[in-house]
Amino acid sequence: MNEYTQKIVREHADGWNELWRQSIHPWDKGVPSPALIEVIEQKPIKEQIPKEGNVLVPGCGRGPDVFYLGNANRKAYGLDISPIAVDQARQLQKEKNIPDSQAEFLVDDFFTFKIPEGGFQLIYDYTFFCAISPDLRPAWARRMAEIIPKDGVLITLMFPLGDHTDGPPFAVSVETYQSFLDANFDCLLIDDCTSFEARSGKEKISVWRRK
C-alpha cells in the first residue's frame, strides 16, 4: 500500500473499513490468487490438500478465494474485520448463486471469533499475516495451531518478501514463517509460484500440516 493508505490504517480506529468505504483495496483483485489455484490444481502437493471439511480465509475481502475453495464437500468461511468488505462479499455470493452450505462470511476478529465444530481442515492466509502488526505474529501462530486440528493444512502465500520496515503490508521472509510455525506444523512445501504481475518475485507459496 502507498503512504496514504498506510496512514488511514494507522490513524483510523476502523482503518480497514475506511479503505473499503473509499474503494481503496489494491490487495483485492476480484479473482482467486494464481498461486492458490496452482497449488490446488497443478503442483504435486495437491493430493495432500484436504478435500472435505471447513476452510477459512482470514482477511477475505470480497471473497474470491472463498468462492474458489468452497464446494459441495468443503464449506469455506470468509473472515474480515470490515463490515463493508463482508457486505460486498455477501452480495457477490447472491449474484453468483453460491449456497450458504459452500460459503459463509463473518465480520469478526481472527483472534477471538467462534470456531465452528471440528475446527478448520484447511486455511489459506495470503493478505492477512502481512497486514497485522508484527508484534501480533506470535498470537497468529498460536491461533493457527488452536483452530487447525491434527493433520489439517495451512497454506500461506508469503508476501511481500523483503526487509522494509514500514507497513502494512509488513515485510515477511521464509525464515519468519518457519520461526512461528515449526513448533506445531510440518512444512510440506516452500516453492516459487505464479503471481499477480505486480507481485511477481515478491512471494512464495508454502504448505504446512498440523502435527
C-alpha atoms as a PDB file:
ATOM      1  CA  MET A   1       0.000   0.000   0.000  1.00  0.00           C
ATOM      2  CA  ASN A   2       1.106   3.581  -0.530  1.00  0.00           C
ATOM      3  CA  GLU A   3       1.721   6.084   2.269  1.00  0.00           C
ATOM      4  CA  TYR A   4      -1.844   7.423   2.123  1.00  0.00           C
ATOM      5  CA  THR A   5      -3.485   4.042   2.677  1.00  0.00           C
ATOM      6  CA  GLN A   6      -0.988   3.154   5.392  1.00  0.00           C
ATOM      7  CA  LYS A   7      -1.853   6.441   7.128  1.00  0.00           C
ATOM      8  CA  ILE A   8      -5.566   5.587   7.090  1.00  0.00           C
ATOM      9  CA  VAL A   9      -4.944   2.180   8.679  1.00  0.00           C
ATOM     10  CA  ARG A  10      -2.713   3.680  11.368  1.00  0.00           C
ATOM     11  CA  GLU A  11      -4.876   6.676  12.274  1.00  0.00           C
ATOM     12  CA  HIS A  12      -8.461   5.416  11.944  1.00  0.00           C
ATOM     13  CA  ALA A  13      -9.925   3.072  14.538  1.00  0.00           C
ATOM     14  CA  ASP A  14     -11.738   1.404  11.650  1.00  0.00           C
ATOM     15  CA  GLY A  15      -8.905   1.938   9.179  1.00  0.00           C
ATOM     16  CA  TRP A  16      -9.521  -1.133   7.034  1.00  0.00           C
ATOM     17  CA  ASN A  17     -13.226  -0.376   6.816  1.00  0.00           C
ATOM     18  CA  GLU A  18     -12.407   3.213   5.860  1.00  0.00           C
ATOM     19  CA  LEU A  19     -10.314   1.960   2.949  1.00  0.00           C
ATOM     20  CA  TRP A  20     -13.227  -0.156   1.742  1.00  0.00           C
ATOM     21  CA  ARG A  21     -15.528   2.852   2.178  1.00  0.00           C
ATOM     22  CA  GLN A  22     -13.244   4.821  -0.148  1.00  0.00           C
ATOM     23  CA  SER A  23     -12.945   1.853  -2.541  1.00  0.00           C
ATOM     24  CA  ILE A  24      -9.197   1.642  -1.882  1.00  0.00           C
ATOM     25  CA  HIS A  25      -8.377  -2.065  -1.811  1.00  0.00           C
ATOM     26  CA  PRO A  26      -5.434  -2.793  -4.124  1.00  0.00           C
ATOM     27  CA  TRP A  27      -4.898  -6.167  -2.447  1.00  0.00           C
ATOM     28  CA  ASP A  28      -8.284  -7.410  -3.660  1.00  0.00           C
ATOM     29  CA  LYS A  29      -8.011  -8.403  -7.331  1.00  0.00           C
ATOM     30  CA  GLY A  30     -11.522  -9.814  -7.647  1.00  0.00           C
ATOM     31  CA  VAL A  31     -10.258 -13.255  -8.695  1.00  0.00           C
ATOM     32  CA  PRO A  32      -8.577 -16.115  -6.800  1.00  0.00           C
ATOM     33  CA  SER A  33      -4.836 -15.745  -6.381  1.00  0.00           C
ATOM     34  CA  PRO A  34      -2.930 -17.603  -9.145  1.00  0.00           C
ATOM     35  CA  ALA A  35      -0.653 -19.259  -6.603  1.00  0.00           C
ATOM     36  CA  LEU A  36      -3.649 -20.769  -4.790  1.00  0.00           C
ATOM     37  CA  ILE A  37      -5.065 -22.203  -8.000  1.00  0.00           C
ATOM     38  CA  GLU A  38      -1.644 -23.573  -8.877  1.00  0.00           C
ATOM     39  CA  VAL A  39      -1.131 -25.359  -5.554  1.00  0.00           C
ATOM     40  CA  ILE A  40      -4.688 -26.738  -5.502  1.00  0.00           C
ATOM     41  CA  GLU A  41      -4.805 -27.886  -9.130  1.00  0.00           C
ATOM     42  CA  GLN A  42      -1.294 -28.287 -10.525  1.00  0.00           C
ATOM     43  CA  LYS A  43       1.504 -28.860  -8.033  1.00  0.00           C
ATOM     44  CA  PRO A  44       2.109 -32.471  -6.877  1.00  0.00           C
ATOM     45  CA  ILE A  45       1.241 -31.360  -3.336  1.00  0.00           C
ATOM     46  CA  LYS A  46      -2.399 -31.020  -4.444  1.00  0.00           C
ATOM     47  CA  GLU A  47      -3.089 -34.600  -3.329  1.00  0.00           C
ATOM     48  CA  GLN A  48      -2.335 -33.589   0.277  1.00  0.00           C
ATOM     49  CA  ILE A  49      -4.784 -30.677   0.339  1.00  0.00           C
ATOM     50  CA  PRO A  50      -7.951 -31.604   2.298  1.00  0.00           C
ATOM     51  CA  LYS A  51     -10.894 -32.282   0.014  1.00  0.00           C
ATOM     52  CA  GLU A  52     -13.528 -32.094   2.772  1.00  0.00           C
ATOM     53  CA  GLY A  53     -14.313 -30.120   5.907  1.00  0.00           C
ATOM     54  CA  ASN A  54     -14.202 -26.467   6.916  1.00  0.00           C
ATOM     55  CA  VAL A  55     -11.983 -23.914   5.180  1.00  0.00           C
ATOM     56  CA  LEU A  56     -11.031 -20.438   6.410  1.00  0.00           C
ATOM     57  CA  VAL A  57      -9.732 -17.390   4.566  1.00  0.00           C
ATOM     58  CA  PRO A  58      -8.838 -14.665   7.098  1.00  0.00           C
ATOM     59  CA  GLY A  59      -8.815 -11.136   5.715  1.00  0.00           C
ATOM     60  CA  CYS A  60     -11.025 -12.377   2.885  1.00  0.00           C
ATOM     61  CA  GLY A  61     -12.120  -9.032   1.415  1.00  0.00           C
ATOM     62  CA  ARG A  62     -14.810  -9.623  -1.192  1.00  0.00           C
ATOM     63  CA  GLY A  63     -14.149 -13.340  -1.059  1.00  0.00           C
ATOM     64  CA  PRO A  64     -12.674 -14.516  -4.387  1.00  0.00           C
ATOM     65  CA  ASP A  65     -10.542 -17.142  -2.644  1.00  0.00           C
ATOM     66  CA  VAL A  66     -13.522 -18.180  -0.514  1.00  0.00           C
ATOM     67  CA  PHE A  67     -15.673 -18.749  -3.587  1.00  0.00           C
ATOM     68  CA  TYR A  68     -12.866 -20.752  -5.180  1.00  0.00           C
ATOM     69  CA  LEU A  69     -12.256 -23.026  -2.178  1.00  0.00           C
ATOM     70  CA  GLY A  70     -15.868 -23.691  -1.200  1.00  0.00           C
ATOM     71  CA  ASN A  71     -17.645 -26.586  -2.891  1.00  0.00           C
ATOM     72  CA  ALA A  72     -20.068 -29.413  -2.171  1.00  0.00           C
ATOM     73  CA  ASN A  73     -17.533 -31.096   0.122  1.00  0.00           C
ATOM     74  CA  ARG A  74     -15.773 -28.090   1.648  1.00  0.00           C
ATOM     75  CA  LYS A  75     -17.509 -25.182   3.375  1.00  0.00           C
ATOM     76  CA  ALA A  76     -15.397 -22.057   3.104  1.00  0.00           C
ATOM     77  CA  TYR A  77     -15.637 -19.288   5.690  1.00  0.00           C
ATOM     78  CA  GLY A  78     -14.501 -15.788   4.813  1.00  0.00           C
ATOM     79  CA  LEU A  79     -13.477 -13.668   7.794  1.00  0.00           C
ATOM     80  CA  ASP A  80     -12.876  -9.936   7.674  1.00  0.00           C
ATOM     81  CA  ILE A  81     -12.881  -7.119  10.193  1.00  0.00           C
ATOM     82  CA  SER A  82     -14.501  -4.763   7.670  1.00  0.00           C
ATOM     83  CA  PRO A  83     -18.326  -4.841   7.528  1.00  0.00           C
ATOM     84  CA  ILE A  84     -18.222  -3.144   4.125  1.00  0.00           C
ATOM     85  CA  ALA A  85     -15.987  -5.852   2.664  1.00  0.00           C
ATOM     86  CA  VAL A  86     -18.218  -8.585   4.056  1.00  0.00           C
ATOM     87  CA  ASP A  87     -21.373  -6.884   2.776  1.00  0.00           C
ATOM     88  CA  GLN A  88     -19.848  -6.807  -0.698  1.00  0.00           C
ATOM     89  CA  ALA A  89     -18.813 -10.458  -0.419  1.00  0.00           C
ATOM     90  CA  ARG A  90     -22.325 -11.486   0.581  1.00  0.00           C
ATOM     91  CA  GLN A  91     -23.778  -9.554  -2.346  1.00  0.00           C
ATOM     92  CA  LEU A  92     -21.396 -11.294  -4.736  1.00  0.00           C
ATOM     93  CA  GLN A  93     -22.378 -14.626  -3.228  1.00  0.00           C
ATOM     94  CA  LYS A  94     -26.012 -13.904  -4.071  1.00  0.00           C
ATOM     95  CA  GLU A  95     -25.116 -12.814  -7.598  1.00  0.00           C
ATOM     96  CA  LYS A  96     -23.087 -15.983  -8.137  1.00  0.00           C
ATOM     97  CA  ASN A  97     -25.842 -18.168  -6.632  1.00  0.00           C
ATOM     98  CA  ILE A  98     -23.385 -19.814  -4.258  1.00  0.00           C
ATOM     99  CA  PRO A  99     -25.275 -21.603  -1.466  1.00  0.00           C
ATOM    100  CA  ASP A 100     -24.627 -20.961   2.224  1.00  0.00           C
ATOM    101  CA  SER A 101     -23.518 -24.579   2.518  1.00  0.00           C
ATOM    102  CA  GLN A 102     -20.442 -23.695   0.435  1.00  0.00           C
ATOM    103  CA  ALA A 103     -19.596 -20.177   1.628  1.00  0.00           C
ATOM    104  CA  GLU A 104     -20.252 -18.070   4.714  1.00  0.00           C
ATOM    105  CA  PHE A 105     -18.869 -14.627   5.550  1.00  0.00           C
ATOM    106  CA  LEU A 106     -18.197 -13.308   9.046  1.00  0.00           C
ATOM    107  CA  VAL A 107     -17.399  -9.853  10.400  1.00  0.00           C
ATOM    108  CA  ASP A 108     -15.149 -10.673  13.314  1.00  0.00           C
ATOM    109  CA  ASP A 109     -11.698 -10.692  14.883  1.00  0.00           C
ATOM    110  CA  PHE A 110      -9.460 -13.580  13.823  1.00  0.00           C
ATOM    111  CA  PHE A 111      -8.028 -13.884  17.311  1.00  0.00           C
ATOM    112  CA  THR A 112     -11.346 -14.253  19.130  1.00  0.00           C
ATOM    113  CA  PHE A 113     -14.066 -15.391  16.706  1.00  0.00           C
ATOM    114  CA  LYS A 114     -16.095 -18.505  17.488  1.00  0.00           C
ATOM    115  CA  ILE A 115     -14.614 -21.568  15.839  1.00  0.00           C
ATOM    116  CA  PRO A 116     -17.043 -23.971  14.109  1.00  0.00           C
ATOM    117  CA  GLU A 117     -17.224 -27.505  15.421  1.00  0.00           C
ATOM    118  CA  GLY A 118     -14.252 -29.535  14.229  1.00  0.00           C
ATOM    119  CA  GLY A 119     -12.089 -26.507  13.516  1.00  0.00           C
ATOM    120  CA  PHE A 120     -10.672 -25.899  10.060  1.00  0.00           C
ATOM    121  CA  GLN A 121      -9.193 -28.653   7.956  1.00  0.00           C
ATOM    122  CA  LEU A 122      -7.762 -26.056   5.573  1.00  0.00           C
ATOM    123  CA  ILE A 123      -6.786 -22.400   5.999  1.00  0.00           C
ATOM    124  CA  TYR A 124      -5.463 -20.072   3.323  1.00  0.00           C
ATOM    125  CA  ASP A 125      -3.560 -16.992   4.511  1.00  0.00           C
ATOM    126  CA  TYR A 126      -2.364 -14.517   1.911  1.00  0.00           C
ATOM    127  CA  THR A 127      -3.040 -10.900   2.776  1.00  0.00           C
ATOM    128  CA  PHE A 128      -3.678 -11.364   6.499  1.00  0.00           C
ATOM    129  CA  PHE A 129      -0.297 -12.244   8.041  1.00  0.00           C
ATOM    130  CA  CYS A 130       1.377  -9.320   6.277  1.00  0.00           C
ATOM    131  CA  ALA A 131      -1.407  -6.926   7.312  1.00  0.00           C
ATOM    132  CA  ILE A 132      -1.266  -7.438  11.059  1.00  0.00           C
ATOM    133  CA  SER A 133       1.326  -5.703  13.192  1.00  0.00           C
ATOM    134  CA  PRO A 134       4.469  -7.874  13.516  1.00  0.00           C
ATOM    135  CA  ASP A 135       4.051  -7.939  17.287  1.00  0.00           C
ATOM    136  CA  LEU A 136       0.860  -9.989  16.734  1.00  0.00           C
ATOM    137  CA  ARG A 137       2.649 -12.733  14.834  1.00  0.00           C
ATOM    138  CA  PRO A 138       3.210 -14.983  17.879  1.00  0.00           C
ATOM    139  CA  ALA A 139      -0.537 -14.766  18.617  1.00  0.00           C
ATOM    140  CA  TRP A 140      -1.241 -15.535  14.930  1.00  0.00           C
ATOM    141  CA  ALA A 141       0.817 -18.716  15.166  1.00  0.00           C
ATOM    142  CA  ARG A 142      -0.857 -19.805  18.415  1.00  0.00           C
ATOM    143  CA  ARG A 143      -4.296 -19.195  16.928  1.00  0.00           C
ATOM    144  CA  MET A 144      -3.480 -21.203  13.800  1.00  0.00           C
ATOM    145  CA  ALA A 145      -2.356 -24.106  15.951  1.00  0.00           C
ATOM    146  CA  GLU A 146      -5.547 -23.795  18.008  1.00  0.00           C
ATOM    147  CA  ILE A 147      -8.057 -23.784  15.153  1.00  0.00           C
ATOM    148  CA  ILE A 148      -6.417 -26.332  12.828  1.00  0.00           C
ATOM    149  CA  PRO A 149      -6.764 -29.908  14.130  1.00  0.00           C
ATOM    150  CA  LYS A 150      -4.110 -32.599  13.709  1.00  0.00           C
ATOM    151  CA  ASP A 151      -3.384 -33.298  10.010  1.00  0.00           C
ATOM    152  CA  GLY A 152      -5.182 -30.121   8.938  1.00  0.00           C
ATOM    153  CA  VAL A 153      -3.380 -27.940   6.401  1.00  0.00           C
ATOM    154  CA  LEU A 154      -2.340 -24.293   6.356  1.00  0.00           C
ATOM    155  CA  ILE A 155      -1.467 -22.717   3.010  1.00  0.00           C
ATOM    156  CA  THR A 156       0.462 -19.477   3.334  1.00  0.00           C
ATOM    157  CA  LEU A 157       1.316 -17.289   0.382  1.00  0.00           C
ATOM    158  CA  MET A 158       4.389 -15.496   1.676  1.00  0.00           C
ATOM    159  CA  PHE A 159       4.028 -11.855   0.640  1.00  0.00           C
ATOM    160  CA  PRO A 160       5.749  -9.405   0.465  1.00  0.00           C
ATOM    161  CA  LEU A 161       9.194 -10.944   0.698  1.00  0.00           C
ATOM    162  CA  GLY A 162      11.646  -8.227   1.666  1.00  0.00           C
ATOM    163  CA  ASP A 163      13.186  -6.284   4.513  1.00  0.00           C
ATOM    164  CA  HIS A 164      11.322  -2.953   4.518  1.00  0.00           C
ATOM    165  CA  THR A 165      10.281  -1.669   7.933  1.00  0.00           C
ATOM    166  CA  ASP A 166       7.055   0.177   7.141  1.00  0.00           C
ATOM    167  CA  GLY A 167       3.645  -1.308   6.519  1.00  0.00           C
ATOM    168  CA  PRO A 168       1.128  -2.669   6.114  1.00  0.00           C
ATOM    169  CA  PRO A 169       1.882  -4.802   4.242  1.00  0.00           C
ATOM    170  CA  PHE A 170       4.772  -5.645   6.550  1.00  0.00           C
ATOM    171  CA  ALA A 171       7.762  -7.487   5.132  1.00  0.00           C
ATOM    172  CA  VAL A 172       7.966 -11.246   5.541  1.00  0.00           C
ATOM    173  CA  SER A 173      10.567 -13.937   4.899  1.00  0.00           C
ATOM    174  CA  VAL A 174      10.660 -17.702   4.680  1.00  0.00           C
ATOM    175  CA  GLU A 175      12.524 -17.718   7.986  1.00  0.00           C
ATOM    176  CA  THR A 176       9.778 -15.638   9.605  1.00  0.00           C
ATOM    177  CA  TYR A 177       7.133 -18.253   8.847  1.00  0.00           C
ATOM    178  CA  GLN A 178       9.415 -21.085   9.889  1.00  0.00           C
ATOM    179  CA  SER A 179      10.159 -19.452  13.227  1.00  0.00           C
ATOM    180  CA  PHE A 180       6.466 -19.189  14.085  1.00  0.00           C
ATOM    181  CA  LEU A 181       5.126 -22.427  12.573  1.00  0.00           C
ATOM    182  CA  ASP A 182       7.819 -25.085  13.013  1.00  0.00           C
ATOM    183  CA  ALA A 183       6.784 -25.872  16.600  1.00  0.00           C
ATOM    184  CA  ASN A 184       3.300 -27.051  15.627  1.00  0.00           C
ATOM    185  CA  PHE A 185       3.420 -27.682  11.878  1.00  0.00           C
ATOM    186  CA  ASP A 186       5.410 -29.816   9.464  1.00  0.00           C
ATOM    187  CA  CYS A 187       6.421 -27.933   6.351  1.00  0.00           C
ATOM    188  CA  LEU A 188       5.335 -29.826   3.228  1.00  0.00           C
ATOM    189  CA  LEU A 189       6.277 -27.254   0.608  1.00  0.00           C
ATOM    190  CA  ILE A 190       8.002 -23.922   0.073  1.00  0.00           C
ATOM    191  CA  ASP A 191       8.236 -23.032  -3.591  1.00  0.00           C
ATOM    192  CA  ASP A 192       8.148 -20.314  -6.202  1.00  0.00           C
ATOM    193  CA  CYS A 193       4.693 -19.651  -7.561  1.00  0.00           C
ATOM    194  CA  THR A 194       2.617 -17.957 -10.203  1.00  0.00           C
ATOM    195  CA  SER A 195       1.730 -14.433  -9.085  1.00  0.00           C
ATOM    196  CA  PHE A 196      -0.286 -11.398  -9.999  1.00  0.00           C
ATOM    197  CA  GLU A 197       2.019  -9.383 -12.245  1.00  0.00           C
ATOM    198  CA  ALA A 198       2.729  -6.613  -9.744  1.00  0.00           C
ATOM    199  CA  ARG A 199       3.724  -9.184  -7.107  1.00  0.00           C
ATOM    200  CA  SER A 200       5.941 -11.384  -9.258  1.00  0.00           C
ATOM    201  CA  GLY A 201       9.189 -12.205  -7.475  1.00  0.00           C
ATOM    202  CA  LYS A 202       7.838 -10.953  -4.152  1.00  0.00           C
ATOM    203  CA  GLU A 203       6.158 -14.128  -2.918  1.00  0.00           C
ATOM    204  CA  LYS A 204       6.452 -17.870  -2.400  1.00  0.00           C
ATOM    205  CA  ILE A 205       3.809 -20.495  -1.717  1.00  0.00           C
ATOM    206  CA  SER A 206       4.088 -22.757   1.329  1.00  0.00           C
ATOM    207  CA  VAL A 207       2.034 -25.637   2.708  1.00  0.00           C
ATOM    208  CA  TRP A 208       2.073 -26.787   6.348  1.00  0.00           C
ATOM    209  CA  ARG A 209       0.453 -29.754   8.083  1.00  0.00           C
ATOM    210  CA  ARG A 210      -0.614 -29.567  11.731  1.00  0.00           C
ATOM    211  CA  LYS A 211       1.373 -32.006  13.871  1.00  0.00           C
END
